[in-house]
Amino acid sequence: MKYTYSSSGVDVTRNDEFTDYIKSIINFPDWVMKEPTGYATILNFTNPPVVLTADGVGSKLLLHIEHQRWNDAAKDLIGMNYNDIICTGAIPKAFVDYLGVHHIDKPHYEFIKSLKEELERLDMALVAGETAEIPSIYTEKDWDVAGFCVGVLQRRIPVESVEFGDVIIGLKASGFHSNGWSLIRKILSDENIDISNLPFDLLAGTKIYKEVPKVFDKVKAIAHVTGGGILRALRRIIKDKGWSISIKLPEYIKWILKYVETEEALKTFNMGYGMILVTDEKNAEEVASECFGDIIGRVDEKREITLF
């Protein structure tokens, strides 16, 4: 039997419908700059403009708690926000956290210490936060965390300038990052898999693409591969155009494909690349080198992904 994301209780279509509803009832003020990818919001009431986003770790946090992987949990929380911010052409600077718990305990101290240390490595600051003890919502062992990130816009990435023939560059992921974990956890449970026996580190924290700001002036589009997998990431930046790309699958994707159909994986997981860049031919080699990336294809009329 092959697993699906919906069989794990997550319906991406339902999420999209709710997002569309939110967009339909909101009227953006004139100080919100148009940003078509939706990774973060550019607020044009300062000079330079600031960029804002929010995200969490999701159900991967349950495994971090079980295995006491606080540093990787911190990387996941930061990465899900940091990588979204840089897609707009901004440099992340300030971070705020929300921690919801049954009661404050030692793991929360260890997590916050890791969060602060990881932020400092990125020249970011934990400037505020909120910790709420809510025993009527959270169990004694489980808790949740959300992050809010503010960045300073350097250059709005001109995603509308993407054209046929442009080069697509993939930046390798450290693993599954922080998406698709309801499905992964269902597989682990149903198949009785001990993660310590896997030939890779399943809980590795999200790779934070701190090299990307160096090439802001040379790229036309940046996509953080998150919810909806690599297919949604490509659609967010290439829009109505197509792509031909070729991907050498890492070990963790080969493993998940034992349990998930390829089409399901493409719309759920990063397939080995946590960030996608689009640039023109003349800048492709330099961009790939600066960001330690792979040239994986081009923008064209097809929608073709070759896996090997």
C-alpha atoms as a PDB file:
ATOM      1  CA  MET A   1       0.000   0.000   0.000  1.00  0.00           C
ATOM      2  CA  LYS A   2       1.222   3.493  -0.849  1.00  0.00           C
ATOM      3  CA  TYR A   3       0.531   6.375   1.543  1.00  0.00           C
ATOM      4  CA  THR A   4      -0.885   9.818   0.735  1.00  0.00           C
ATOM      5  CA  TYR A   5      -0.782  13.113   2.584  1.00  0.00           C
ATOM      6  CA  SER A   6      -4.576  13.135   2.843  1.00  0.00           C
ATOM      7  CA  SER A   7      -4.529   9.665   4.465  1.00  0.00           C
ATOM      8  CA  SER A   8      -2.431  11.164   7.269  1.00  0.00           C
ATOM      9  CA  GLY A   9      -5.151  13.731   7.966  1.00  0.00           C
ATOM     10  CA  VAL A  10      -3.795  16.707   6.016  1.00  0.00           C
ATOM     11  CA  ASP A  11      -5.789  18.022   3.070  1.00  0.00           C
ATOM     12  CA  VAL A  12      -3.732  20.505   1.035  1.00  0.00           C
ATOM     13  CA  THR A  13      -6.780  21.440  -1.040  1.00  0.00           C
ATOM     14  CA  ARG A  14      -8.708  22.373   2.088  1.00  0.00           C
ATOM     15  CA  ASN A  15      -5.785  24.533   3.182  1.00  0.00           C
ATOM     16  CA  ASP A  16      -5.703  26.263  -0.216  1.00  0.00           C
ATOM     17  CA  GLU A  17      -9.434  26.955  -0.029  1.00  0.00           C
ATOM     18  CA  PHE A  18      -9.041  28.549   3.403  1.00  0.00           C
ATOM     19  CA  THR A  19      -6.129  30.650   2.164  1.00  0.00           C
ATOM     20  CA  ASP A  20      -8.212  31.811  -0.803  1.00  0.00           C
ATOM     21  CA  TYR A  21     -11.030  32.748   1.590  1.00  0.00           C
ATOM     22  CA  ILE A  22      -8.679  34.831   3.735  1.00  0.00           C
ATOM     23  CA  LYS A  23      -7.397  36.637   0.649  1.00  0.00           C
ATOM     24  CA  SER A  24     -10.964  37.325  -0.485  1.00  0.00           C
ATOM     25  CA  ILE A  25     -11.933  39.181   2.703  1.00  0.00           C
ATOM     26  CA  ILE A  26      -8.743  41.214   3.131  1.00  0.00           C
ATOM     27  CA  ASN A  27      -8.185  44.671   1.692  1.00  0.00           C
ATOM     28  CA  PHE A  28      -4.488  45.489   1.642  1.00  0.00           C
ATOM     29  CA  PRO A  29      -3.533  49.084   2.502  1.00  0.00           C
ATOM     30  CA  ASP A  30      -1.446  51.007  -0.006  1.00  0.00           C
ATOM     31  CA  TRP A  31       1.704  50.552   2.095  1.00  0.00           C
ATOM     32  CA  VAL A  32       1.750  46.798   1.331  1.00  0.00           C
ATOM     33  CA  MET A  33       4.012  46.304  -1.693  1.00  0.00           C
ATOM     34  CA  LYS A  34       2.884  43.744  -4.269  1.00  0.00           C
ATOM     35  CA  GLU A  35       4.837  40.488  -3.832  1.00  0.00           C
ATOM     36  CA  PRO A  36       3.374  37.759  -6.067  1.00  0.00           C
ATOM     37  CA  THR A  37       5.089  34.676  -4.599  1.00  0.00           C
ATOM     38  CA  GLY A  38       3.394  35.007  -1.200  1.00  0.00           C
ATOM     39  CA  TYR A  39       6.422  33.966   0.837  1.00  0.00           C
ATOM     40  CA  ALA A  40       6.406  37.118   2.957  1.00  0.00           C
ATOM     41  CA  THR A  41       4.802  40.554   3.077  1.00  0.00           C
ATOM     42  CA  ILE A  42       6.683  43.733   2.160  1.00  0.00           C
ATOM     43  CA  LEU A  43       5.600  46.715   4.265  1.00  0.00           C
ATOM     44  CA  ASN A  44       6.442  49.926   2.471  1.00  0.00           C
ATOM     45  CA  PHE A  45       6.013  52.390   5.341  1.00  0.00           C
ATOM     46  CA  THR A  46       9.733  52.630   6.139  1.00  0.00           C
ATOM     47  CA  ASN A  47      12.807  53.370   4.069  1.00  0.00           C
ATOM     48  CA  PRO A  48      14.022  50.791   3.249  1.00  0.00           C
ATOM     49  CA  PRO A  49      10.827  48.690   3.482  1.00  0.00           C
ATOM     50  CA  VAL A  50      10.584  45.885   6.031  1.00  0.00           C
ATOM     51  CA  VAL A  51       9.443  42.327   5.339  1.00  0.00           C
ATOM     52  CA  LEU A  52       7.356  40.207   7.695  1.00  0.00           C
ATOM     53  CA  THR A  53       6.475  36.516   7.927  1.00  0.00           C
ATOM     54  CA  ALA A  54       5.416  33.840  10.426  1.00  0.00           C
ATOM     55  CA  ASP A  55       5.675  30.052  10.529  1.00  0.00           C
ATOM     56  CA  GLY A  56       6.092  27.085  12.849  1.00  0.00           C
ATOM     57  CA  VAL A  57       7.790  23.699  13.004  1.00  0.00           C
ATOM     58  CA  GLY A  58       4.627  21.635  12.588  1.00  0.00           C
ATOM     59  CA  SER A  59       4.242  18.053  13.748  1.00  0.00           C
ATOM     60  CA  LYS A  60       7.971  17.356  13.301  1.00  0.00           C
ATOM     61  CA  LEU A  61       8.231  19.063  16.688  1.00  0.00           C
ATOM     62  CA  LEU A  62       6.652  15.969  18.273  1.00  0.00           C
ATOM     63  CA  LEU A  63       9.660  13.915  17.177  1.00  0.00           C
ATOM     64  CA  HIS A  64      12.113  16.617  18.282  1.00  0.00           C
ATOM     65  CA  ILE A  65      10.470  16.508  21.720  1.00  0.00           C
ATOM     66  CA  GLU A  66      10.590  12.711  21.832  1.00  0.00           C
ATOM     67  CA  HIS A  67      14.279  12.606  20.853  1.00  0.00           C
ATOM     68  CA  GLN A  68      15.280  15.880  22.586  1.00  0.00           C
ATOM     69  CA  ARG A  69      16.627  17.463  19.400  1.00  0.00           C
ATOM     70  CA  TRP A  70      16.422  21.081  20.542  1.00  0.00           C
ATOM     71  CA  ASN A  71      19.074  22.474  18.207  1.00  0.00           C
ATOM     72  CA  ASP A  72      17.402  20.927  15.167  1.00  0.00           C
ATOM     73  CA  ALA A  73      13.999  22.187  16.353  1.00  0.00           C
ATOM     74  CA  ALA A  74      15.485  25.698  16.572  1.00  0.00           C
ATOM     75  CA  LYS A  75      16.916  25.380  13.047  1.00  0.00           C
ATOM     76  CA  ASP A  76      13.502  24.285  11.775  1.00  0.00           C
ATOM     77  CA  LEU A  77      11.729  27.236  13.367  1.00  0.00           C
ATOM     78  CA  ILE A  78      14.273  29.776  12.143  1.00  0.00           C
ATOM     79  CA  GLY A  79      14.665  28.192   8.713  1.00  0.00           C
ATOM     80  CA  MET A  80      10.958  28.156   7.916  1.00  0.00           C
ATOM     81  CA  ASN A  81      10.900  31.911   8.489  1.00  0.00           C
ATOM     82  CA  TYR A  82      14.387  32.948   7.327  1.00  0.00           C
ATOM     83  CA  ASN A  83      14.096  31.087   4.016  1.00  0.00           C
ATOM     84  CA  ASP A  84      10.690  32.656   3.318  1.00  0.00           C
ATOM     85  CA  ILE A  85      12.000  36.154   4.008  1.00  0.00           C
ATOM     86  CA  ILE A  86      14.935  35.864   1.598  1.00  0.00           C
ATOM     87  CA  CYS A  87      12.603  34.815  -1.227  1.00  0.00           C
ATOM     88  CA  THR A  88      11.448  38.439  -1.354  1.00  0.00           C
ATOM     89  CA  GLY A  89      14.954  39.921  -1.444  1.00  0.00           C
ATOM     90  CA  ALA A  90      15.226  40.858   2.235  1.00  0.00           C
ATOM     91  CA  ILE A  91      17.797  40.074   4.911  1.00  0.00           C
ATOM     92  CA  PRO A  92      16.244  38.687   8.139  1.00  0.00           C
ATOM     93  CA  LYS A  93      17.172  40.646  11.258  1.00  0.00           C
ATOM     94  CA  ALA A  94      14.695  40.289  14.136  1.00  0.00           C
ATOM     95  CA  PHE A  95      12.865  37.251  15.515  1.00  0.00           C
ATOM     96  CA  VAL A  96       9.957  36.828  17.915  1.00  0.00           C
ATOM     97  CA  ASP A  97       8.710  33.493  19.267  1.00  0.00           C
ATOM     98  CA  TYR A  98       5.445  32.203  20.734  1.00  0.00           C
ATOM     99  CA  LEU A  99       5.671  29.152  22.978  1.00  0.00           C
ATOM    100  CA  GLY A 100       2.486  27.360  24.042  1.00  0.00           C
ATOM    101  CA  VAL A 101       2.992  24.783  26.823  1.00  0.00           C
ATOM    102  CA  HIS A 102       1.240  22.770  29.516  1.00  0.00           C
ATOM    103  CA  HIS A 103       3.743  24.100  32.047  1.00  0.00           C
ATOM    104  CA  ILE A 104       7.221  25.593  31.692  1.00  0.00           C
ATOM    105  CA  ASP A 105       9.853  22.900  32.095  1.00  0.00           C
ATOM    106  CA  LYS A 106      13.537  22.155  31.387  1.00  0.00           C
ATOM    107  CA  PRO A 107      13.070  21.351  27.643  1.00  0.00           C
ATOM    108  CA  HIS A 108      11.733  24.863  27.037  1.00  0.00           C
ATOM    109  CA  TYR A 109      14.860  26.405  28.574  1.00  0.00           C
ATOM    110  CA  GLU A 110      17.028  24.193  26.354  1.00  0.00           C
ATOM    111  CA  PHE A 111      15.017  25.025  23.236  1.00  0.00           C
ATOM    112  CA  ILE A 112      15.180  28.791  23.828  1.00  0.00           C
ATOM    113  CA  LYS A 113      18.937  28.587  24.468  1.00  0.00           C
ATOM    114  CA  SER A 114      19.381  26.791  21.114  1.00  0.00           C
ATOM    115  CA  LEU A 115      17.096  29.294  19.392  1.00  0.00           C
ATOM    116  CA  LYS A 116      19.107  32.246  20.680  1.00  0.00           C
ATOM    117  CA  GLU A 117      22.442  30.646  19.693  1.00  0.00           C
ATOM    118  CA  GLU A 118      21.295  29.745  16.180  1.00  0.00           C
ATOM    119  CA  LEU A 119      19.919  33.242  15.613  1.00  0.00           C
ATOM    120  CA  GLU A 120      23.212  34.799  16.673  1.00  0.00           C
ATOM    121  CA  ARG A 121      25.072  32.659  14.130  1.00  0.00           C
ATOM    122  CA  LEU A 122      22.877  34.282  11.473  1.00  0.00           C
ATOM    123  CA  ASP A 123      23.395  37.826  12.774  1.00  0.00           C
ATOM    124  CA  MET A 124      19.779  37.883  13.954  1.00  0.00           C
ATOM    125  CA  ALA A 125      18.328  38.781  17.337  1.00  0.00           C
ATOM    126  CA  LEU A 126      15.569  37.307  19.478  1.00  0.00           C
ATOM    127  CA  VAL A 127      13.954  40.631  20.365  1.00  0.00           C
ATOM    128  CA  ALA A 128      10.703  39.567  22.067  1.00  0.00           C
ATOM    129  CA  GLY A 129       8.320  36.670  22.563  1.00  0.00           C
ATOM    130  CA  GLU A 130       5.436  35.171  24.479  1.00  0.00           C
ATOM    131  CA  THR A 131       5.258  32.010  26.573  1.00  0.00           C
ATOM    132  CA  ALA A 132       1.784  30.810  27.508  1.00  0.00           C
ATOM    133  CA  GLU A 133       1.027  28.049  29.991  1.00  0.00           C
ATOM    134  CA  ILE A 134      -2.290  26.567  28.846  1.00  0.00           C
ATOM    135  CA  PRO A 135      -2.805  23.182  30.524  1.00  0.00           C
ATOM    136  CA  SER A 136      -6.356  23.000  29.187  1.00  0.00           C
ATOM    137  CA  ILE A 137      -4.999  22.885  25.601  1.00  0.00           C
ATOM    138  CA  TYR A 138      -1.549  21.271  25.795  1.00  0.00           C
ATOM    139  CA  THR A 139      -0.724  17.881  27.306  1.00  0.00           C
ATOM    140  CA  GLU A 140       2.104  17.577  29.838  1.00  0.00           C
ATOM    141  CA  LYS A 141       4.573  16.329  27.214  1.00  0.00           C
ATOM    142  CA  ASP A 142       3.486  18.128  24.043  1.00  0.00           C
ATOM    143  CA  TRP A 143       3.892  21.806  23.247  1.00  0.00           C
ATOM    144  CA  ASP A 144       4.041  24.072  20.216  1.00  0.00           C
ATOM    145  CA  VAL A 145       6.112  26.987  18.993  1.00  0.00           C
ATOM    146  CA  ALA A 146       5.681  29.623  16.304  1.00  0.00           C
ATOM    147  CA  GLY A 147       8.153  32.158  14.965  1.00  0.00           C
ATOM    148  CA  PHE A 148       7.759  35.650  13.564  1.00  0.00           C
ATOM    149  CA  CYS A 149      10.547  37.198  11.516  1.00  0.00           C
ATOM    150  CA  VAL A 150      11.282  40.728  10.311  1.00  0.00           C
ATOM    151  CA  GLY A 151      13.757  41.510   7.573  1.00  0.00           C
ATOM    152  CA  VAL A 152      15.002  44.577   5.712  1.00  0.00           C
ATOM    153  CA  LEU A 153      14.381  44.685   1.962  1.00  0.00           C
ATOM    154  CA  GLN A 154      17.528  44.900  -0.148  1.00  0.00           C
ATOM    155  CA  ARG A 155      16.062  44.393  -3.619  1.00  0.00           C
ATOM    156  CA  ARG A 156      12.594  43.231  -4.554  1.00  0.00           C
ATOM    157  CA  ILE A 157      13.172  40.028  -6.535  1.00  0.00           C
ATOM    158  CA  PRO A 158      11.649  40.586 -10.026  1.00  0.00           C
ATOM    159  CA  VAL A 159       9.803  37.289 -10.428  1.00  0.00           C
ATOM    160  CA  GLU A 160       7.752  38.763 -13.288  1.00  0.00           C
ATOM    161  CA  SER A 161      10.954  38.937 -15.374  1.00  0.00           C
ATOM    162  CA  VAL A 162      11.365  35.131 -15.576  1.00  0.00           C
ATOM    163  CA  GLU A 163      11.417  34.079 -19.232  1.00  0.00           C
ATOM    164  CA  PHE A 164      11.867  31.002 -21.375  1.00  0.00           C
ATOM    165  CA  GLY A 165      15.474  29.845 -21.455  1.00  0.00           C
ATOM    166  CA  ASP A 166      16.306  31.020 -17.943  1.00  0.00           C
ATOM    167  CA  VAL A 167      18.354  28.617 -15.829  1.00  0.00           C
ATOM    168  CA  ILE A 168      16.937  26.824 -12.767  1.00  0.00           C
ATOM    169  CA  ILE A 169      19.321  26.192  -9.862  1.00  0.00           C
ATOM    170  CA  GLY A 170      18.594  23.895  -6.930  1.00  0.00           C
ATOM    171  CA  LEU A 171      20.128  24.331  -3.470  1.00  0.00           C
ATOM    172  CA  LYS A 172      20.397  21.036  -1.623  1.00  0.00           C
ATOM    173  CA  ALA A 173      18.221  20.396   1.422  1.00  0.00           C
ATOM    174  CA  SER A 174      19.483  18.898   4.681  1.00  0.00           C
ATOM    175  CA  GLY A 175      16.561  16.469   4.685  1.00  0.00           C
ATOM    176  CA  PHE A 176      12.778  16.712   4.692  1.00  0.00           C
ATOM    177  CA  HIS A 177      13.064  20.095   6.451  1.00  0.00           C
ATOM    178  CA  SER A 178       9.738  20.877   8.140  1.00  0.00           C
ATOM    179  CA  ASN A 179       7.033  19.800   5.696  1.00  0.00           C
ATOM    180  CA  GLY A 180       5.111  16.583   5.155  1.00  0.00           C
ATOM    181  CA  TRP A 181       5.615  15.320   8.687  1.00  0.00           C
ATOM    182  CA  SER A 182       2.067  14.159   9.331  1.00  0.00           C
ATOM    183  CA  LEU A 183       2.636  11.749   6.438  1.00  0.00           C
ATOM    184  CA  ILE A 184       6.165  10.808   7.556  1.00  0.00           C
ATOM    185  CA  ARG A 185       5.007  10.178  11.128  1.00  0.00           C
ATOM    186  CA  LYS A 186       2.145   7.982   9.901  1.00  0.00           C
ATOM    187  CA  ILE A 187       4.616   5.900   7.880  1.00  0.00           C
ATOM    188  CA  LEU A 188       6.951   5.582  10.874  1.00  0.00           C
ATOM    189  CA  SER A 189       4.067   4.454  13.064  1.00  0.00           C
ATOM    190  CA  ASP A 190       2.290   2.112  10.648  1.00  0.00           C
ATOM    191  CA  GLU A 191       5.509   0.491   9.422  1.00  0.00           C
ATOM    192  CA  ASN A 192       7.023   0.307  12.923  1.00  0.00           C
ATOM    193  CA  ILE A 193      10.217   2.090  11.829  1.00  0.00           C
ATOM    194  CA  ASP A 194      12.958   2.949  14.325  1.00  0.00           C
ATOM    195  CA  ILE A 195      14.526   6.170  13.034  1.00  0.00           C
ATOM    196  CA  SER A 196      17.891   5.252  14.556  1.00  0.00           C
ATOM    197  CA  ASN A 197      18.119   2.428  12.005  1.00  0.00           C
ATOM    198  CA  LEU A 198      17.733   4.719   8.987  1.00  0.00           C
ATOM    199  CA  PRO A 199      20.895   5.430   6.910  1.00  0.00           C
ATOM    200  CA  PHE A 200      20.370   9.196   7.238  1.00  0.00           C
ATOM    201  CA  ASP A 201      19.446  11.662   9.973  1.00  0.00           C
ATOM    202  CA  LEU A 202      15.683  11.936   9.675  1.00  0.00           C
ATOM    203  CA  LEU A 203      15.413  14.831  12.147  1.00  0.00           C
ATOM    204  CA  ALA A 204      18.153  17.054  10.700  1.00  0.00           C
ATOM    205  CA  GLY A 205      17.116  20.687  11.042  1.00  0.00           C
ATOM    206  CA  THR A 206      16.093  22.827   8.084  1.00  0.00           C
ATOM    207  CA  LYS A 207      19.022  24.142   6.061  1.00  0.00           C
ATOM    208  CA  ILE A 208      19.160  27.918   6.310  1.00  0.00           C
ATOM    209  CA  TYR A 209      20.243  29.431   3.005  1.00  0.00           C
ATOM    210  CA  LYS A 210      22.354  32.284   4.336  1.00  0.00           C
ATOM    211  CA  GLU A 211      24.400  32.483   1.094  1.00  0.00           C
ATOM    212  CA  VAL A 212      21.430  33.540  -1.049  1.00  0.00           C
ATOM    213  CA  PRO A 213      21.463  37.279  -0.166  1.00  0.00           C
ATOM    214  CA  LYS A 214      24.868  37.505  -1.875  1.00  0.00           C
ATOM    215  CA  VAL A 215      23.161  36.853  -5.235  1.00  0.00           C
ATOM    216  CA  PHE A 216      20.028  38.991  -4.818  1.00  0.00           C
ATOM    217  CA  ASP A 217      21.232  41.220  -7.658  1.00  0.00           C
ATOM    218  CA  LYS A 218      21.743  38.278 -10.036  1.00  0.00           C
ATOM    219  CA  VAL A 219      18.508  36.267  -9.652  1.00  0.00           C
ATOM    220  CA  LYS A 220      15.037  36.681 -11.095  1.00  0.00           C
ATOM    221  CA  ALA A 221      13.166  34.438  -8.663  1.00  0.00           C
ATOM    222  CA  ILE A 222      13.673  32.531  -5.412  1.00  0.00           C
ATOM    223  CA  ALA A 223      11.422  29.769  -4.095  1.00  0.00           C
ATOM    224  CA  HIS A 224      11.557  28.156  -0.662  1.00  0.00           C
ATOM    225  CA  VAL A 225      10.386  24.555  -1.135  1.00  0.00           C
ATOM    226  CA  THR A 226       7.848  24.087   1.654  1.00  0.00           C
ATOM    227  CA  GLY A 227       4.163  23.081   1.717  1.00  0.00           C
ATOM    228  CA  GLY A 228       3.053  21.617  -1.599  1.00  0.00           C
ATOM    229  CA  GLY A 229       6.531  20.292  -2.333  1.00  0.00           C
ATOM    230  CA  ILE A 230       8.750  21.102  -5.269  1.00  0.00           C
ATOM    231  CA  LEU A 231       5.814  21.364  -7.697  1.00  0.00           C
ATOM    232  CA  ARG A 232       4.153  24.201  -5.801  1.00  0.00           C
ATOM    233  CA  ALA A 233       7.486  25.977  -5.360  1.00  0.00           C
ATOM    234  CA  LEU A 234       8.067  25.932  -9.125  1.00  0.00           C
ATOM    235  CA  ARG A 235       4.547  27.184  -9.829  1.00  0.00           C
ATOM    236  CA  ARG A 236       4.974  30.055  -7.373  1.00  0.00           C
ATOM    237  CA  ILE A 237       7.883  31.544  -9.293  1.00  0.00           C
ATOM    238  CA  ILE A 238       7.529  30.283 -12.869  1.00  0.00           C
ATOM    239  CA  LYS A 239       3.766  30.885 -12.964  1.00  0.00           C
ATOM    240  CA  ASP A 240       2.203  29.986 -16.338  1.00  0.00           C
ATOM    241  CA  LYS A 241       5.509  28.966 -17.917  1.00  0.00           C
ATOM    242  CA  GLY A 242       6.958  25.484 -17.631  1.00  0.00           C
ATOM    243  CA  TRP A 243      10.183  23.748 -16.690  1.00  0.00           C
ATOM    244  CA  SER A 244      12.435  20.874 -17.613  1.00  0.00           C
ATOM    245  CA  ILE A 245      14.532  19.752 -14.670  1.00  0.00           C
ATOM    246  CA  SER A 246      16.557  16.699 -13.723  1.00  0.00           C
ATOM    247  CA  ILE A 247      17.093  15.662 -10.102  1.00  0.00           C
ATOM    248  CA  LYS A 248      19.460  13.105  -8.594  1.00  0.00           C
ATOM    249  CA  LEU A 249      17.542  11.822  -5.594  1.00  0.00           C
ATOM    250  CA  PRO A 250      19.192  11.811  -2.163  1.00  0.00           C
ATOM    251  CA  GLU A 251      18.931   8.820   0.171  1.00  0.00           C
ATOM    252  CA  TYR A 252      16.029  10.171   2.226  1.00  0.00           C
ATOM    253  CA  ILE A 253      13.844  10.693  -0.855  1.00  0.00           C
ATOM    254  CA  LYS A 254      14.642   7.210  -2.172  1.00  0.00           C
ATOM    255  CA  TRP A 255      13.498   5.916   1.212  1.00  0.00           C
ATOM    256  CA  ILE A 256      10.173   7.780   1.212  1.00  0.00           C
ATOM    257  CA  LEU A 257       9.439   6.595  -2.327  1.00  0.00           C
ATOM    258  CA  LYS A 258       9.146   3.067  -0.944  1.00  0.00           C
ATOM    259  CA  TYR A 259       5.936   4.221   0.732  1.00  0.00           C
ATOM    260  CA  VAL A 260       4.682   7.111  -1.428  1.00  0.00           C
ATOM    261  CA  GLU A 261       3.927   7.333  -5.153  1.00  0.00           C
ATOM    262  CA  THR A 262       6.244   9.637  -7.092  1.00  0.00           C
ATOM    263  CA  GLU A 263       3.460  12.088  -7.973  1.00  0.00           C
ATOM    264  CA  GLU A 264       2.441  12.323  -4.317  1.00  0.00           C
ATOM    265  CA  ALA A 265       6.050  12.938  -3.306  1.00  0.00           C
ATOM    266  CA  LEU A 266       6.481  15.720  -5.887  1.00  0.00           C
ATOM    267  CA  LYS A 267       3.545  17.656  -4.399  1.00  0.00           C
ATOM    268  CA  THR A 268       4.544  16.991  -0.791  1.00  0.00           C
ATOM    269  CA  PHE A 269       8.350  16.906  -0.405  1.00  0.00           C
ATOM    270  CA  ASN A 270      11.375  18.934  -1.535  1.00  0.00           C
ATOM    271  CA  MET A 271      12.860  15.991  -3.527  1.00  0.00           C
ATOM    272  CA  GLY A 272      16.332  16.959  -2.360  1.00  0.00           C
ATOM    273  CA  TYR A 273      16.283  20.723  -2.933  1.00  0.00           C
ATOM    274  CA  GLY A 274      15.087  23.150  -0.278  1.00  0.00           C
ATOM    275  CA  MET A 275      15.430  26.269  -2.391  1.00  0.00           C
ATOM    276  CA  ILE A 276      15.095  27.007  -6.111  1.00  0.00           C
ATOM    277  CA  LEU A 277      16.695  29.986  -7.874  1.00  0.00           C
ATOM    278  CA  VAL A 278      16.037  31.235 -11.397  1.00  0.00           C
ATOM    279  CA  THR A 279      18.590  33.342 -13.222  1.00  0.00           C
ATOM    280  CA  ASP A 280      19.691  34.090 -16.765  1.00  0.00           C
ATOM    281  CA  GLU A 281      22.339  32.188 -18.700  1.00  0.00           C
ATOM    282  CA  LYS A 282      25.161  34.673 -18.104  1.00  0.00           C
ATOM    283  CA  ASN A 283      24.830  34.556 -14.308  1.00  0.00           C
ATOM    284  CA  ALA A 284      24.014  30.877 -13.870  1.00  0.00           C
ATOM    285  CA  GLU A 285      27.476  29.483 -13.121  1.00  0.00           C
ATOM    286  CA  GLU A 286      28.322  32.297 -10.710  1.00  0.00           C
ATOM    287  CA  VAL A 287      25.027  32.011  -8.834  1.00  0.00           C
ATOM    288  CA  ALA A 288      25.360  28.242  -8.543  1.00  0.00           C
ATOM    289  CA  SER A 289      28.927  28.582  -7.252  1.00  0.00           C
ATOM    290  CA  GLU A 290      28.124  31.337  -4.725  1.00  0.00           C
ATOM    291  CA  CYS A 291      25.230  29.345  -3.266  1.00  0.00           C
ATOM    292  CA  PHE A 292      26.757  25.848  -3.556  1.00  0.00           C
ATOM    293  CA  GLY A 293      23.888  24.919  -5.854  1.00  0.00           C
ATOM    294  CA  ASP A 294      23.297  22.622  -8.814  1.00  0.00           C
ATOM    295  CA  ILE A 295      22.087  23.708 -12.253  1.00  0.00           C
ATOM    296  CA  ILE A 296      19.084  21.384 -12.618  1.00  0.00           C
ATOM    297  CA  GLY A 297      17.212  22.687 -15.638  1.00  0.00           C
ATOM    298  CA  ARG A 298      15.600  25.523 -17.554  1.00  0.00           C
ATOM    299  CA  VAL A 299      12.360  27.404 -17.909  1.00  0.00           C
ATOM    300  CA  ASP A 300      10.515  26.147 -20.999  1.00  0.00           C
ATOM    301  CA  GLU A 301       7.072  25.158 -22.245  1.00  0.00           C
ATOM    302  CA  LYS A 302       7.052  21.703 -20.639  1.00  0.00           C
ATOM    303  CA  ARG A 303       6.346  20.715 -17.041  1.00  0.00           C
ATOM    304  CA  GLU A 304       8.806  17.871 -16.871  1.00  0.00           C
ATOM    305  CA  ILE A 305      10.800  16.517 -13.912  1.00  0.00           C
ATOM    306  CA  THR A 306      13.222  13.638 -14.456  1.00  0.00           C
ATOM    307  CA  LEU A 307      14.292  11.719 -11.341  1.00  0.00           C
ATOM    308  CA  PHE A 308      17.281   9.415 -11.166  1.00  0.00           C
END
